[in-house]
């Protein structure tokens, strides 16, 4: 499976001080597959770039909860996070398909 690079922005609670931003950046950067993290204490947003081949949005969300910075609640944010998880699951499944013949021939009729 090839690399699938994703960037997500997560609004988190309890991110009012710069030293808390540093903790988030340090802890998330230790995760396999995470390439960049930027936690902005003024906006309460964490921007993270990661390789879906190694880690997914759900794992990142869980890590944030475990270190004391759960994603903000709110119906629209929950829907957005659900959509991201759904999309990532489909992307991963789509890359696992192997029909036994070259990808460029997918969807074409086989000749006997």
C-alpha atoms as a PDB file:
ATOM      1  CA  UNK A   1       0.000   0.000   0.000  1.00  0.00           C
ATOM      2  CA  UNK A   2       1.331   3.420  -0.916  1.00  0.00           C
ATOM      3  CA  UNK A   3       1.560   6.319   1.533  1.00  0.00           C
ATOM      4  CA  UNK A   4      -1.670   8.213   2.183  1.00  0.00           C
ATOM      5  CA  UNK A   5      -0.800  11.585   3.678  1.00  0.00           C
ATOM      6  CA  UNK A   6      -3.632  13.337   5.511  1.00  0.00           C
ATOM      7  CA  UNK A   7      -3.898  16.670   7.295  1.00  0.00           C
ATOM      8  CA  UNK A   8      -6.593  17.248   9.897  1.00  0.00           C
ATOM      9  CA  UNK A   9      -7.485  20.155  12.152  1.00  0.00           C
ATOM     10  CA  UNK A  10      -8.886  19.252  15.564  1.00  0.00           C
ATOM     11  CA  UNK A  11     -10.277  21.805  17.999  1.00  0.00           C
ATOM     12  CA  UNK A  12      -9.384  20.730  21.543  1.00  0.00           C
ATOM     13  CA  UNK A  13     -10.396  21.807  25.016  1.00  0.00           C
ATOM     14  CA  UNK A  14      -7.949  23.050  27.671  1.00  0.00           C
ATOM     15  CA  UNK A  15      -5.422  24.584  25.261  1.00  0.00           C
ATOM     16  CA  UNK A  16      -5.150  28.084  26.712  1.00  0.00           C
ATOM     17  CA  UNK A  17      -1.425  28.157  27.527  1.00  0.00           C
ATOM     18  CA  UNK A  18       1.605  27.825  25.224  1.00  0.00           C
ATOM     19  CA  UNK A  19       3.213  25.120  27.408  1.00  0.00           C
ATOM     20  CA  UNK A  20       0.146  22.957  26.823  1.00  0.00           C
ATOM     21  CA  UNK A  21       0.630  23.408  23.079  1.00  0.00           C
ATOM     22  CA  UNK A  22       4.188  22.181  23.482  1.00  0.00           C
ATOM     23  CA  UNK A  23       2.983  19.048  25.331  1.00  0.00           C
ATOM     24  CA  UNK A  24       0.531  18.205  22.549  1.00  0.00           C
ATOM     25  CA  UNK A  25       3.143  18.742  19.850  1.00  0.00           C
ATOM     26  CA  UNK A  26       5.731  16.654  21.703  1.00  0.00           C
ATOM     27  CA  UNK A  27       3.397  13.749  22.506  1.00  0.00           C
ATOM     28  CA  UNK A  28       1.806  13.534  19.052  1.00  0.00           C
ATOM     29  CA  UNK A  29       5.141  13.822  17.230  1.00  0.00           C
ATOM     30  CA  UNK A  30       6.247  10.641  19.026  1.00  0.00           C
ATOM     31  CA  UNK A  31       3.544   8.609  17.293  1.00  0.00           C
ATOM     32  CA  UNK A  32       4.570   6.468  14.321  1.00  0.00           C
ATOM     33  CA  UNK A  33       3.180   7.989  11.139  1.00  0.00           C
ATOM     34  CA  UNK A  34       2.841  11.562  12.424  1.00  0.00           C
ATOM     35  CA  UNK A  35       4.922  13.973  10.351  1.00  0.00           C
ATOM     36  CA  UNK A  36       3.962  17.425  11.661  1.00  0.00           C
ATOM     37  CA  UNK A  37       1.947  18.856  14.526  1.00  0.00           C
ATOM     38  CA  UNK A  38       1.077  22.481  15.198  1.00  0.00           C
ATOM     39  CA  UNK A  39      -0.940  23.259  18.330  1.00  0.00           C
ATOM     40  CA  UNK A  40      -2.169  26.860  18.440  1.00  0.00           C
ATOM     41  CA  UNK A  41      -3.111  27.915  21.973  1.00  0.00           C
ATOM     42  CA  UNK A  42      -4.853  31.105  20.808  1.00  0.00           C
ATOM     43  CA  UNK A  43      -7.322  29.284  18.530  1.00  0.00           C
ATOM     44  CA  UNK A  44      -7.471  25.970  20.400  1.00  0.00           C
ATOM     45  CA  UNK A  45      -6.729  24.091  17.170  1.00  0.00           C
ATOM     46  CA  UNK A  46      -4.278  21.292  16.524  1.00  0.00           C
ATOM     47  CA  UNK A  47      -3.210  20.797  12.913  1.00  0.00           C
ATOM     48  CA  UNK A  48      -1.670  17.397  12.313  1.00  0.00           C
ATOM     49  CA  UNK A  49      -0.225  15.763   9.211  1.00  0.00           C
ATOM     50  CA  UNK A  50       0.037  11.986   9.287  1.00  0.00           C
ATOM     51  CA  UNK A  51       0.417   8.899   7.139  1.00  0.00           C
ATOM     52  CA  UNK A  52      -2.791   6.871   7.108  1.00  0.00           C
ATOM     53  CA  UNK A  53      -0.685   3.807   6.405  1.00  0.00           C
ATOM     54  CA  UNK A  54       0.502   3.884  10.048  1.00  0.00           C
ATOM     55  CA  UNK A  55      -2.020   5.862  12.097  1.00  0.00           C
ATOM     56  CA  UNK A  56      -5.571   7.100  11.691  1.00  0.00           C
ATOM     57  CA  UNK A  57      -7.707   9.959  12.971  1.00  0.00           C
ATOM     58  CA  UNK A  58      -9.290   7.776  15.655  1.00  0.00           C
ATOM     59  CA  UNK A  59      -5.857   6.900  17.101  1.00  0.00           C
ATOM     60  CA  UNK A  60      -4.917  10.585  17.203  1.00  0.00           C
ATOM     61  CA  UNK A  61      -8.202  11.498  18.865  1.00  0.00           C
ATOM     62  CA  UNK A  62      -7.644   8.760  21.476  1.00  0.00           C
ATOM     63  CA  UNK A  63      -4.112   9.998  22.172  1.00  0.00           C
ATOM     64  CA  UNK A  64      -5.386  13.546  22.677  1.00  0.00           C
ATOM     65  CA  UNK A  65      -7.978  12.272  25.175  1.00  0.00           C
ATOM     66  CA  UNK A  66      -5.324  10.237  27.013  1.00  0.00           C
ATOM     67  CA  UNK A  67      -3.016  13.230  27.490  1.00  0.00           C
ATOM     68  CA  UNK A  68      -5.855  15.436  28.759  1.00  0.00           C
ATOM     69  CA  UNK A  69      -6.875  17.347  25.632  1.00  0.00           C
ATOM     70  CA  UNK A  70     -10.120  15.815  24.356  1.00  0.00           C
ATOM     71  CA  UNK A  71     -11.571  17.112  21.107  1.00  0.00           C
ATOM     72  CA  UNK A  72     -14.227  19.779  21.644  1.00  0.00           C
ATOM     73  CA  UNK A  73     -17.818  18.628  21.790  1.00  0.00           C
ATOM     74  CA  UNK A  74     -20.550  19.995  19.626  1.00  0.00           C
ATOM     75  CA  UNK A  75     -22.862  18.377  17.136  1.00  0.00           C
ATOM     76  CA  UNK A  76     -21.139  19.742  14.031  1.00  0.00           C
ATOM     77  CA  UNK A  77     -17.681  18.784  15.286  1.00  0.00           C
ATOM     78  CA  UNK A  78     -18.897  15.263  16.076  1.00  0.00           C
ATOM     79  CA  UNK A  79     -20.383  14.945  12.587  1.00  0.00           C
ATOM     80  CA  UNK A  80     -17.147  16.223  11.036  1.00  0.00           C
ATOM     81  CA  UNK A  81     -15.053  13.738  13.031  1.00  0.00           C
ATOM     82  CA  UNK A  82     -17.412  10.915  12.075  1.00  0.00           C
ATOM     83  CA  UNK A  83     -17.100  11.840   8.415  1.00  0.00           C
ATOM     84  CA  UNK A  84     -13.288  11.887   8.644  1.00  0.00           C
ATOM     85  CA  UNK A  85     -13.273   8.422  10.245  1.00  0.00           C
ATOM     86  CA  UNK A  86     -15.678   7.081   7.605  1.00  0.00           C
ATOM     87  CA  UNK A  87     -13.587   8.531   4.766  1.00  0.00           C
ATOM     88  CA  UNK A  88     -10.325   7.145   6.169  1.00  0.00           C
ATOM     89  CA  UNK A  89     -11.827   3.676   6.589  1.00  0.00           C
ATOM     90  CA  UNK A  90     -12.927   3.699   2.947  1.00  0.00           C
ATOM     91  CA  UNK A  91      -9.541   4.954   1.760  1.00  0.00           C
ATOM     92  CA  UNK A  92      -7.766   2.163   3.607  1.00  0.00           C
ATOM     93  CA  UNK A  93     -10.165  -0.476   2.276  1.00  0.00           C
ATOM     94  CA  UNK A  94      -9.846   0.903  -1.250  1.00  0.00           C
ATOM     95  CA  UNK A  95      -6.088   0.485  -1.200  1.00  0.00           C
ATOM     96  CA  UNK A  96      -6.291  -3.131  -0.042  1.00  0.00           C
ATOM     97  CA  UNK A  97      -8.204  -4.342  -3.108  1.00  0.00           C
ATOM     98  CA  UNK A  98      -6.182  -6.680  -5.273  1.00  0.00           C
ATOM     99  CA  UNK A  99      -8.004  -8.241  -8.211  1.00  0.00           C
ATOM    100  CA  UNK A 100      -5.054 -10.330  -9.338  1.00  0.00           C
ATOM    101  CA  UNK A 101      -4.382  -8.223 -12.426  1.00  0.00           C
ATOM    102  CA  UNK A 102      -2.791  -4.831 -13.033  1.00  0.00           C
ATOM    103  CA  UNK A 103      -4.667  -1.773 -11.699  1.00  0.00           C
ATOM    104  CA  UNK A 104      -4.778  -0.160 -15.149  1.00  0.00           C
ATOM    105  CA  UNK A 105      -7.096  -2.959 -16.322  1.00  0.00           C
ATOM    106  CA  UNK A 106      -9.659  -2.520 -13.502  1.00  0.00           C
ATOM    107  CA  UNK A 107     -13.168  -2.145 -14.854  1.00  0.00           C
ATOM    108  CA  UNK A 108     -12.302  -3.499 -18.313  1.00  0.00           C
ATOM    109  CA  UNK A 109     -13.725  -6.711 -19.652  1.00  0.00           C
ATOM    110  CA  UNK A 110     -11.319  -9.634 -19.600  1.00  0.00           C
ATOM    111  CA  UNK A 111     -10.500 -11.270 -22.934  1.00  0.00           C
ATOM    112  CA  UNK A 112     -10.673 -15.056 -23.143  1.00  0.00           C
END
